[in-house]
Amino acid sequence: MKAPDYVEPIIAWRAWLVVAEVEGIRLSSVVYRNVWPPRCELEATCHRTVFAFPRIWQRKPTGHPAPTERCRCGIHGARDADHAASYVANELWQDEPLHWPLLHRAIGRVSLWGTLVECADGWRASCAYPQRIYLPAHGESDDAPVEPGQLVASLAGYGVPVELIDCDLTDGDAVVSALGMRAAAC
């Protein structure tokens, strides 16, 4: 099945890690070690892990552009904040150590374009860029104590609105509720 053509980007929800990198504070994928560059689109690649001998899991190039119908690759965006919030509170990403200090987690809106594959909970795209970033005001950083206000200023380099929301990032329901209150106030 061919992906549909869209005239404008799809706007979806997404979760990110906020990490300290040599170049500065950046957004990173929750699942993979992909840093989202400021003021530049993120282009999808397939990170499929394959089993190879001697009995180890390896990342090998798949030879296909991302995303495709037959693979789960691509930049994911959720239809609703509730689904994205489950990644904000999710601890599964902690199984693999990060290469940089984790400062916080974020949720927000993301523009998806290029090749798009529609999924049950959202879309997978070949290109993406943040549209709006929300940082929960409460929660601990794992490696370096940084005030949420400082993170807002640092993430302003993405050139999109960055806002604090009054909730604890470990409670997905509280994140969704805070986003709802924020939307009602606008």
N, C-alpha and C. Protein backbone atom coordinates (compact mmCIF):
# COMPACT_ATOMS: atom_id res chain seq x y z
N MET A 1 0.84 -1.18 0.00
CA MET A 1 0.00 0.00 0.00
C MET A 1 0.89 1.24 0.00
N LYS A 2 0.64 2.15 -0.90
CA LYS A 2 1.43 3.36 -1.01
C LYS A 2 0.99 4.36 0.07
N ALA A 3 1.97 5.06 0.66
CA ALA A 3 1.66 6.08 1.66
C ALA A 3 0.90 7.22 0.99
N PRO A 4 -0.08 7.80 1.69
CA PRO A 4 -0.85 8.90 1.10
C PRO A 4 0.01 10.15 0.98
N ASP A 5 -0.33 10.99 0.00
CA ASP A 5 0.34 12.28 -0.16
C ASP A 5 -0.43 13.32 0.65
N TYR A 6 0.29 14.12 1.40
CA TYR A 6 -0.32 15.17 2.20
C TYR A 6 0.23 16.51 1.71
N VAL A 7 -0.63 17.52 1.65
CA VAL A 7 -0.23 18.84 1.19
C VAL A 7 0.58 19.55 2.26
N GLU A 8 0.20 19.36 3.51
CA GLU A 8 0.87 20.01 4.63
C GLU A 8 1.40 18.94 5.59
N PRO A 9 2.35 19.32 6.44
CA PRO A 9 2.84 18.33 7.42
C PRO A 9 1.72 17.86 8.34
N ILE A 10 1.84 16.65 8.80
CA ILE A 10 0.95 16.11 9.84
C ILE A 10 1.49 16.65 11.17
N ILE A 11 0.59 17.11 12.03
CA ILE A 11 1.00 17.57 13.36
C ILE A 11 0.61 16.47 14.34
N ALA A 12 1.59 15.96 15.06
CA ALA A 12 1.38 14.84 15.99
C ALA A 12 2.00 15.20 17.34
N TRP A 13 1.85 14.28 18.28
CA TRP A 13 2.46 14.42 19.61
C TRP A 13 3.69 13.54 19.69
N ARG A 14 4.65 13.96 20.52
CA ARG A 14 5.90 13.22 20.64
C ARG A 14 6.51 13.46 22.01
N ALA A 15 7.26 12.48 22.49
CA ALA A 15 8.04 12.62 23.73
C ALA A 15 9.52 12.65 23.37
N TRP A 16 10.30 13.37 24.16
CA TRP A 16 11.75 13.45 23.97
C TRP A 16 12.46 13.35 25.32
N LEU A 17 13.72 13.00 25.27
CA LEU A 17 14.62 13.20 26.41
C LEU A 17 15.30 14.53 26.16
N VAL A 18 15.62 15.25 27.23
CA VAL A 18 16.41 16.48 27.13
C VAL A 18 17.80 16.13 27.65
N VAL A 19 18.81 16.25 26.78
CA VAL A 19 20.15 15.77 27.10
C VAL A 19 21.18 16.88 26.93
N ALA A 20 22.30 16.72 27.62
CA ALA A 20 23.43 17.64 27.48
C ALA A 20 24.42 17.02 26.51
N GLU A 21 24.72 17.75 25.47
CA GLU A 21 25.65 17.31 24.46
C GLU A 21 26.75 18.36 24.36
N VAL A 22 27.84 18.05 23.70
CA VAL A 22 28.95 19.00 23.57
C VAL A 22 28.47 20.33 23.01
N GLU A 23 27.60 20.29 22.00
CA GLU A 23 27.10 21.50 21.36
C GLU A 23 26.09 22.26 22.21
N GLY A 24 25.54 21.62 23.24
CA GLY A 24 24.55 22.27 24.09
C GLY A 24 23.44 21.32 24.49
N ILE A 25 22.38 21.87 25.01
CA ILE A 25 21.23 21.08 25.45
C ILE A 25 20.37 20.80 24.23
N ARG A 26 20.02 19.51 24.06
CA ARG A 26 19.31 19.07 22.86
C ARG A 26 18.16 18.12 23.22
N LEU A 27 17.25 17.97 22.27
CA LEU A 27 16.22 16.95 22.36
C LEU A 27 16.79 15.66 21.78
N SER A 28 16.38 14.54 22.36
CA SER A 28 16.84 13.24 21.89
C SER A 28 15.66 12.29 21.84
N SER A 29 15.75 11.30 21.00
CA SER A 29 14.75 10.25 20.94
C SER A 29 14.68 9.53 22.28
N VAL A 30 13.51 9.08 22.65
CA VAL A 30 13.33 8.31 23.88
C VAL A 30 13.84 6.88 23.68
N VAL A 31 13.76 6.38 22.46
CA VAL A 31 14.09 4.98 22.19
C VAL A 31 15.51 4.82 21.64
N TYR A 32 15.91 5.67 20.72
CA TYR A 32 17.23 5.56 20.09
C TYR A 32 18.12 6.72 20.49
N ARG A 33 19.38 6.60 20.19
CA ARG A 33 20.35 7.65 20.52
C ARG A 33 20.43 8.68 19.40
N ASN A 34 19.30 9.17 18.99
CA ASN A 34 19.24 10.18 17.95
C ASN A 34 19.02 11.54 18.58
N VAL A 35 19.90 12.48 18.31
CA VAL A 35 19.73 13.84 18.78
C VAL A 35 19.04 14.64 17.68
N TRP A 36 18.04 15.42 18.07
CA TRP A 36 17.32 16.26 17.13
C TRP A 36 18.11 17.57 16.99
N PRO A 37 18.64 17.84 15.79
CA PRO A 37 19.43 19.06 15.62
C PRO A 37 18.53 20.30 15.62
N PRO A 38 18.97 21.40 16.26
CA PRO A 38 18.16 22.62 16.21
C PRO A 38 18.21 23.25 14.83
N ARG A 39 17.04 23.78 14.42
CA ARG A 39 16.89 24.50 13.16
C ARG A 39 17.24 23.67 11.93
N CYS A 40 17.07 22.36 12.05
CA CYS A 40 17.35 21.45 10.94
C CYS A 40 16.45 20.22 11.10
N GLU A 41 15.82 19.80 10.02
CA GLU A 41 14.93 18.65 10.10
C GLU A 41 15.69 17.39 10.50
N LEU A 42 15.01 16.51 11.19
CA LEU A 42 15.55 15.20 11.49
C LEU A 42 15.09 14.26 10.37
N GLU A 43 16.02 13.53 9.79
CA GLU A 43 15.69 12.58 8.74
C GLU A 43 15.75 11.17 9.31
N ALA A 44 14.76 10.37 9.00
CA ALA A 44 14.64 9.02 9.54
C ALA A 44 15.63 8.06 8.89
N THR A 45 16.11 7.14 9.71
CA THR A 45 16.88 5.99 9.22
C THR A 45 16.32 4.77 9.93
N CYS A 46 16.53 3.62 9.34
CA CYS A 46 16.06 2.39 9.97
C CYS A 46 17.10 1.91 10.97
N HIS A 47 16.67 1.64 12.19
CA HIS A 47 17.55 1.15 13.25
C HIS A 47 17.23 -0.30 13.60
N ARG A 48 16.71 -1.04 12.65
CA ARG A 48 16.31 -2.41 12.94
C ARG A 48 17.50 -3.19 13.50
N THR A 49 17.26 -3.91 14.57
CA THR A 49 18.28 -4.74 15.18
C THR A 49 18.08 -6.16 14.68
N VAL A 50 19.17 -6.76 14.26
CA VAL A 50 19.08 -8.13 13.74
C VAL A 50 19.98 -9.05 14.56
N PHE A 51 19.64 -10.31 14.55
CA PHE A 51 20.44 -11.32 15.24
C PHE A 51 21.52 -11.82 14.29
N ALA A 52 22.74 -11.83 14.76
CA ALA A 52 23.85 -12.29 13.93
C ALA A 52 24.76 -13.18 14.77
N PHE A 53 25.51 -14.01 14.11
CA PHE A 53 26.46 -14.87 14.81
C PHE A 53 27.75 -14.10 15.03
N PRO A 54 28.42 -14.25 16.12
CA PRO A 54 28.15 -15.15 17.23
C PRO A 54 27.14 -14.55 18.19
N ARG A 55 25.96 -15.06 18.25
CA ARG A 55 24.86 -14.80 19.16
C ARG A 55 24.84 -13.42 19.79
N ILE A 56 24.88 -12.40 18.99
CA ILE A 56 24.77 -11.04 19.50
C ILE A 56 23.77 -10.27 18.64
N TRP A 57 23.18 -9.26 19.24
CA TRP A 57 22.28 -8.38 18.51
C TRP A 57 23.12 -7.27 17.92
N GLN A 58 22.90 -7.00 16.65
CA GLN A 58 23.66 -5.96 15.99
C GLN A 58 22.72 -5.07 15.20
N ARG A 59 23.10 -3.82 15.07
CA ARG A 59 22.39 -2.94 14.16
C ARG A 59 23.08 -3.03 12.82
N LYS A 60 22.31 -3.42 11.83
CA LYS A 60 22.85 -3.54 10.48
C LYS A 60 21.99 -2.70 9.55
N PRO A 61 22.61 -2.12 8.55
CA PRO A 61 21.82 -1.36 7.58
C PRO A 61 20.78 -2.26 6.91
N THR A 62 19.56 -1.73 6.78
CA THR A 62 18.49 -2.54 6.20
C THR A 62 18.41 -2.38 4.69
N GLY A 63 18.99 -1.32 4.17
CA GLY A 63 18.96 -1.10 2.74
C GLY A 63 17.66 -0.50 2.24
N HIS A 64 16.76 -0.09 3.14
CA HIS A 64 15.54 0.56 2.67
C HIS A 64 15.41 1.94 3.31
N PRO A 65 14.75 2.84 2.57
CA PRO A 65 14.51 4.16 3.16
C PRO A 65 13.44 4.05 4.24
N ALA A 66 13.52 4.92 5.22
CA ALA A 66 12.54 4.89 6.31
C ALA A 66 11.51 5.98 6.06
N PRO A 67 10.25 5.72 6.37
CA PRO A 67 9.66 4.47 6.85
C PRO A 67 9.13 3.62 5.69
N THR A 68 8.87 2.36 6.01
CA THR A 68 8.20 1.47 5.06
C THR A 68 7.07 0.76 5.78
N GLU A 69 6.13 0.26 5.00
CA GLU A 69 4.98 -0.46 5.58
C GLU A 69 5.41 -1.71 6.33
N ARG A 70 6.43 -2.40 5.84
CA ARG A 70 6.82 -3.70 6.41
C ARG A 70 7.79 -3.60 7.57
N CYS A 71 8.16 -2.40 7.98
CA CYS A 71 9.12 -2.20 9.07
C CYS A 71 8.52 -1.18 10.04
N ARG A 72 9.03 -1.13 11.24
CA ARG A 72 8.54 -0.16 12.22
C ARG A 72 9.40 1.10 12.26
N CYS A 73 10.25 1.27 11.25
CA CYS A 73 11.17 2.41 11.23
C CYS A 73 10.44 3.71 10.90
N GLY A 74 11.13 4.80 11.08
CA GLY A 74 10.59 6.13 10.82
C GLY A 74 10.52 6.93 12.10
N ILE A 75 10.23 8.19 11.97
CA ILE A 75 10.09 9.08 13.12
C ILE A 75 8.63 9.01 13.54
N HIS A 76 8.41 8.56 14.76
CA HIS A 76 7.05 8.32 15.25
C HIS A 76 6.42 9.59 15.82
N GLY A 77 5.15 9.74 15.54
CA GLY A 77 4.33 10.80 16.12
C GLY A 77 3.00 10.19 16.51
N ALA A 78 2.51 10.52 17.70
CA ALA A 78 1.26 9.95 18.21
C ALA A 78 0.08 10.85 17.87
N ARG A 79 -1.10 10.23 17.72
CA ARG A 79 -2.32 10.98 17.43
C ARG A 79 -2.72 11.89 18.59
N ASP A 80 -2.45 11.44 19.82
CA ASP A 80 -2.91 12.22 20.97
C ASP A 80 -1.82 12.32 22.04
N ALA A 81 -2.00 13.30 22.90
CA ALA A 81 -1.03 13.56 23.96
C ALA A 81 -0.95 12.40 24.94
N ASP A 82 -2.06 11.72 25.15
CA ASP A 82 -2.09 10.59 26.09
C ASP A 82 -1.10 9.50 25.69
N HIS A 83 -1.07 9.17 24.41
CA HIS A 83 -0.15 8.13 23.93
C HIS A 83 1.30 8.61 24.05
N ALA A 84 1.56 9.85 23.66
CA ALA A 84 2.93 10.38 23.77
C ALA A 84 3.37 10.48 25.22
N ALA A 85 2.44 10.83 26.12
CA ALA A 85 2.78 10.97 27.54
C ALA A 85 3.23 9.64 28.15
N SER A 86 2.76 8.53 27.60
CA SER A 86 3.21 7.24 28.13
C SER A 86 4.71 7.06 27.93
N TYR A 87 5.27 7.71 26.93
CA TYR A 87 6.73 7.66 26.72
C TYR A 87 7.47 8.61 27.65
N VAL A 88 6.84 9.72 28.05
CA VAL A 88 7.46 10.65 28.97
C VAL A 88 7.70 9.97 30.31
N ALA A 89 6.72 9.20 30.77
CA ALA A 89 6.81 8.56 32.08
C ALA A 89 7.48 7.19 32.00
N ASN A 90 7.66 6.66 30.81
CA ASN A 90 8.17 5.30 30.62
C ASN A 90 9.62 5.17 31.05
N GLU A 91 9.92 4.11 31.74
CA GLU A 91 11.29 3.86 32.20
C GLU A 91 12.02 2.85 31.31
N LEU A 92 11.38 2.35 30.25
CA LEU A 92 12.01 1.35 29.39
C LEU A 92 13.29 1.86 28.75
N TRP A 93 13.35 3.15 28.46
CA TRP A 93 14.53 3.71 27.81
C TRP A 93 15.75 3.65 28.71
N GLN A 94 15.57 3.42 30.00
CA GLN A 94 16.71 3.38 30.92
C GLN A 94 17.49 2.08 30.85
N ASP A 95 17.01 1.08 30.09
CA ASP A 95 17.72 -0.19 29.98
C ASP A 95 19.08 -0.03 29.31
N GLU A 96 19.21 0.96 28.45
CA GLU A 96 20.44 1.17 27.71
C GLU A 96 21.05 2.49 28.15
N PRO A 97 22.31 2.51 28.60
CA PRO A 97 22.89 3.76 29.08
C PRO A 97 23.01 4.79 27.96
N LEU A 98 22.80 6.04 28.33
CA LEU A 98 22.93 7.13 27.37
C LEU A 98 24.38 7.54 27.25
N HIS A 99 24.72 8.19 26.16
CA HIS A 99 26.07 8.69 25.95
C HIS A 99 26.24 10.11 26.49
N TRP A 100 25.21 10.68 27.02
CA TRP A 100 25.26 12.05 27.51
C TRP A 100 24.40 12.17 28.75
N PRO A 101 24.58 13.22 29.54
CA PRO A 101 23.76 13.39 30.73
C PRO A 101 22.29 13.66 30.38
N LEU A 102 21.42 12.95 31.03
CA LEU A 102 19.98 13.17 30.90
C LEU A 102 19.60 14.29 31.85
N LEU A 103 18.98 15.34 31.32
CA LEU A 103 18.59 16.48 32.14
C LEU A 103 17.12 16.49 32.49
N HIS A 104 16.28 16.07 31.56
CA HIS A 104 14.84 16.16 31.77
C HIS A 104 14.15 15.35 30.67
N ARG A 105 12.84 15.33 30.70
CA ARG A 105 12.05 14.76 29.62
C ARG A 105 11.06 15.82 29.16
N ALA A 106 10.64 15.70 27.92
CA ALA A 106 9.73 16.70 27.35
C ALA A 106 8.66 16.00 26.52
N ILE A 107 7.59 16.73 26.27
CA ILE A 107 6.52 16.28 25.39
C ILE A 107 6.19 17.45 24.50
N GLY A 108 5.65 17.19 23.33
CA GLY A 108 5.30 18.33 22.49
C GLY A 108 4.65 17.91 21.19
N ARG A 109 4.46 18.91 20.37
CA ARG A 109 3.89 18.72 19.04
C ARG A 109 5.05 18.64 18.06
N VAL A 110 4.89 17.81 17.05
CA VAL A 110 5.93 17.61 16.05
C VAL A 110 5.30 17.65 14.66
N SER A 111 5.99 18.30 13.73
CA SER A 111 5.57 18.29 12.33
C SER A 111 6.22 17.10 11.65
N LEU A 112 5.43 16.30 10.96
CA LEU A 112 5.90 15.13 10.23
C LEU A 112 5.61 15.32 8.75
N TRP A 113 6.59 15.02 7.90
CA TRP A 113 6.37 15.14 6.46
C TRP A 113 7.27 14.18 5.70
N GLY A 114 7.21 14.28 4.38
CA GLY A 114 7.95 13.35 3.53
C GLY A 114 7.12 12.10 3.34
N THR A 115 7.77 10.96 3.35
CA THR A 115 7.06 9.69 3.27
C THR A 115 6.39 9.46 4.62
N LEU A 116 5.09 9.19 4.61
CA LEU A 116 4.32 8.96 5.84
C LEU A 116 3.64 7.61 5.78
N VAL A 117 3.70 6.90 6.90
CA VAL A 117 2.98 5.64 7.05
C VAL A 117 2.03 5.83 8.24
N GLU A 118 0.74 5.64 8.01
CA GLU A 118 -0.24 5.77 9.08
C GLU A 118 -0.28 4.48 9.88
N CYS A 119 -0.29 4.61 11.20
CA CYS A 119 -0.31 3.46 12.12
C CYS A 119 -1.54 3.57 13.01
N ALA A 120 -1.76 2.59 13.84
CA ALA A 120 -2.91 2.58 14.74
C ALA A 120 -2.91 3.77 15.69
N ASP A 121 -1.74 4.14 16.22
CA ASP A 121 -1.67 5.21 17.21
C ASP A 121 -1.12 6.52 16.67
N GLY A 122 -0.83 6.59 15.38
CA GLY A 122 -0.28 7.82 14.84
C GLY A 122 0.35 7.60 13.47
N TRP A 123 1.54 8.15 13.30
CA TRP A 123 2.22 8.10 12.01
C TRP A 123 3.71 7.84 12.21
N ARG A 124 4.34 7.37 11.13
CA ARG A 124 5.79 7.28 11.04
C ARG A 124 6.18 8.07 9.80
N ALA A 125 7.20 8.91 9.92
CA ALA A 125 7.55 9.80 8.83
C ALA A 125 9.03 9.73 8.49
N SER A 126 9.36 10.24 7.31
CA SER A 126 10.77 10.29 6.91
C SER A 126 11.45 11.56 7.41
N CYS A 127 10.68 12.62 7.69
CA CYS A 127 11.25 13.87 8.18
C CYS A 127 10.37 14.45 9.29
N ALA A 128 11.01 15.16 10.22
CA ALA A 128 10.26 15.75 11.33
C ALA A 128 11.02 16.93 11.93
N TYR A 129 10.25 17.78 12.62
CA TYR A 129 10.84 18.88 13.38
C TYR A 129 9.85 19.27 14.48
N PRO A 130 10.35 19.61 15.67
CA PRO A 130 9.43 20.02 16.75
C PRO A 130 8.63 21.26 16.34
N GLN A 131 7.37 21.29 16.74
CA GLN A 131 6.52 22.46 16.50
C GLN A 131 6.32 23.24 17.80
N ARG A 132 6.22 22.53 18.93
CA ARG A 132 6.03 23.15 20.24
C ARG A 132 6.56 22.16 21.27
N ILE A 133 7.29 22.65 22.28
CA ILE A 133 7.91 21.80 23.29
C ILE A 133 7.35 22.18 24.66
N TYR A 134 6.91 21.18 25.42
CA TYR A 134 6.44 21.38 26.78
C TYR A 134 7.37 20.64 27.74
N LEU A 135 7.82 21.34 28.77
CA LEU A 135 8.67 20.73 29.80
C LEU A 135 7.88 20.66 31.09
N PRO A 136 7.70 19.47 31.65
CA PRO A 136 7.08 19.38 32.98
C PRO A 136 7.93 20.14 33.99
N ALA A 137 7.28 20.95 34.83
CA ALA A 137 8.00 21.80 35.79
C ALA A 137 8.60 21.00 36.93
N HIS A 138 8.09 19.80 37.18
CA HIS A 138 8.57 18.99 38.29
C HIS A 138 9.21 17.72 37.76
N GLY A 139 10.17 17.22 38.50
CA GLY A 139 10.87 16.00 38.12
C GLY A 139 12.35 16.20 38.28
N GLU A 140 13.04 15.12 38.43
CA GLU A 140 14.47 15.19 38.68
C GLU A 140 15.26 14.94 37.41
N SER A 141 16.40 15.61 37.33
CA SER A 141 17.35 15.24 36.29
C SER A 141 18.19 14.11 36.86
N ASP A 142 18.69 13.26 35.99
CA ASP A 142 19.45 12.11 36.44
C ASP A 142 20.93 12.41 36.66
N ASP A 143 21.49 13.29 35.84
CA ASP A 143 22.93 13.50 35.89
C ASP A 143 23.35 14.91 36.29
N ALA A 144 22.59 15.90 35.96
CA ALA A 144 23.01 17.27 36.22
C ALA A 144 21.80 18.10 36.64
N PRO A 145 21.88 18.74 37.79
CA PRO A 145 20.74 19.56 38.22
C PRO A 145 20.64 20.84 37.38
N VAL A 146 19.58 20.92 36.59
CA VAL A 146 19.33 22.10 35.77
C VAL A 146 17.90 22.53 36.03
N GLU A 147 17.72 23.79 36.32
CA GLU A 147 16.39 24.33 36.56
C GLU A 147 15.57 24.28 35.27
N PRO A 148 14.28 23.95 35.36
CA PRO A 148 13.46 23.92 34.15
C PRO A 148 13.50 25.24 33.38
N GLY A 149 13.57 26.37 34.08
CA GLY A 149 13.65 27.67 33.40
C GLY A 149 14.90 27.78 32.53
N GLN A 150 16.01 27.22 33.00
CA GLN A 150 17.24 27.21 32.21
C GLN A 150 17.07 26.33 30.97
N LEU A 151 16.35 25.22 31.13
CA LEU A 151 16.12 24.33 29.99
C LEU A 151 15.26 25.02 28.93
N VAL A 152 14.26 25.79 29.38
CA VAL A 152 13.42 26.52 28.44
C VAL A 152 14.29 27.45 27.61
N ALA A 153 15.18 28.19 28.27
CA ALA A 153 16.06 29.12 27.55
C ALA A 153 16.99 28.37 26.60
N SER A 154 17.51 27.24 27.03
CA SER A 154 18.44 26.48 26.19
C SER A 154 17.74 25.88 24.98
N LEU A 155 16.51 25.40 25.16
CA LEU A 155 15.78 24.78 24.06
C LEU A 155 15.18 25.81 23.10
N ALA A 156 15.25 27.09 23.46
CA ALA A 156 14.76 28.15 22.57
C ALA A 156 15.54 28.16 21.26
N GLY A 157 16.72 27.56 21.25
CA GLY A 157 17.51 27.46 20.03
C GLY A 157 16.83 26.68 18.92
N TYR A 158 15.79 25.93 19.25
CA TYR A 158 15.03 25.22 18.23
C TYR A 158 14.12 26.16 17.43
N GLY A 159 13.93 27.38 17.96
CA GLY A 159 13.13 28.35 17.24
C GLY A 159 11.64 28.09 17.27
N VAL A 160 11.18 27.31 18.25
CA VAL A 160 9.76 27.01 18.42
C VAL A 160 9.37 27.36 19.85
N PRO A 161 8.08 27.55 20.14
CA PRO A 161 7.69 27.84 21.52
C PRO A 161 8.08 26.70 22.47
N VAL A 162 8.65 27.08 23.61
CA VAL A 162 9.02 26.13 24.67
C VAL A 162 8.34 26.63 25.93
N GLU A 163 7.51 25.78 26.55
CA GLU A 163 6.74 26.20 27.72
C GLU A 163 6.85 25.19 28.85
N LEU A 164 6.79 25.70 30.07
CA LEU A 164 6.70 24.83 31.25
C LEU A 164 5.24 24.48 31.48
N ILE A 165 4.99 23.23 31.86
CA ILE A 165 3.66 22.82 32.28
C ILE A 165 3.76 22.32 33.72
N ASP A 166 2.74 22.61 34.50
CA ASP A 166 2.77 22.31 35.93
C ASP A 166 2.35 20.87 36.19
N CYS A 167 3.32 19.96 36.18
CA CYS A 167 3.05 18.56 36.46
C CYS A 167 4.36 17.84 36.75
N ASP A 168 4.25 16.61 37.20
CA ASP A 168 5.40 15.75 37.42
C ASP A 168 5.56 14.86 36.20
N LEU A 169 6.74 14.86 35.62
CA LEU A 169 6.96 14.13 34.38
C LEU A 169 6.83 12.62 34.52
N THR A 170 6.87 12.08 35.72
CA THR A 170 6.75 10.63 35.89
C THR A 170 5.30 10.15 35.92
N ASP A 171 4.34 11.08 35.89
CA ASP A 171 2.93 10.73 35.93
C ASP A 171 2.28 11.12 34.60
N GLY A 172 2.12 10.15 33.70
CA GLY A 172 1.57 10.42 32.37
C GLY A 172 0.20 11.06 32.41
N ASP A 173 -0.67 10.64 33.35
CA ASP A 173 -2.00 11.24 33.46
C ASP A 173 -1.90 12.71 33.85
N ALA A 174 -0.97 13.03 34.74
CA ALA A 174 -0.79 14.43 35.15
C ALA A 174 -0.29 15.27 33.99
N VAL A 175 0.56 14.71 33.15
CA VAL A 175 1.07 15.43 31.98
C VAL A 175 -0.10 15.75 31.04
N VAL A 176 -0.94 14.77 30.76
CA VAL A 176 -2.08 14.98 29.88
C VAL A 176 -3.02 16.02 30.48
N SER A 177 -3.27 15.94 31.78
CA SER A 177 -4.14 16.91 32.44
C SER A 177 -3.56 18.32 32.35
N ALA A 178 -2.27 18.47 32.59
CA ALA A 178 -1.62 19.78 32.52
C ALA A 178 -1.67 20.34 31.10
N LEU A 179 -1.48 19.47 30.09
CA LEU A 179 -1.59 19.92 28.71
C LEU A 179 -3.00 20.38 28.39
N GLY A 180 -3.99 19.67 28.92
CA GLY A 180 -5.39 20.05 28.72
C GLY A 180 -5.70 21.40 29.34
N MET A 181 -5.19 21.63 30.55
CA MET A 181 -5.40 22.92 31.22
C MET A 181 -4.69 24.03 30.45
N ARG A 182 -3.52 23.75 29.92
CA ARG A 182 -2.74 24.72 29.16
C ARG A 182 -3.51 25.11 27.89
N ALA A 183 -4.07 24.11 27.21
CA ALA A 183 -4.84 24.38 25.99
C ALA A 183 -6.10 25.19 26.29
N ALA A 184 -6.76 24.90 27.42
CA ALA A 184 -7.96 25.61 27.80
C ALA A 184 -7.67 27.08 28.13
N ALA A 185 -6.47 27.35 28.64
CA ALA A 185 -6.08 28.71 29.00
C ALA A 185 -5.75 29.56 27.79
N CYS A 186 -5.43 28.93 26.66
CA CYS A 186 -5.04 29.69 25.45
C CYS A 186 -6.22 30.16 24.66
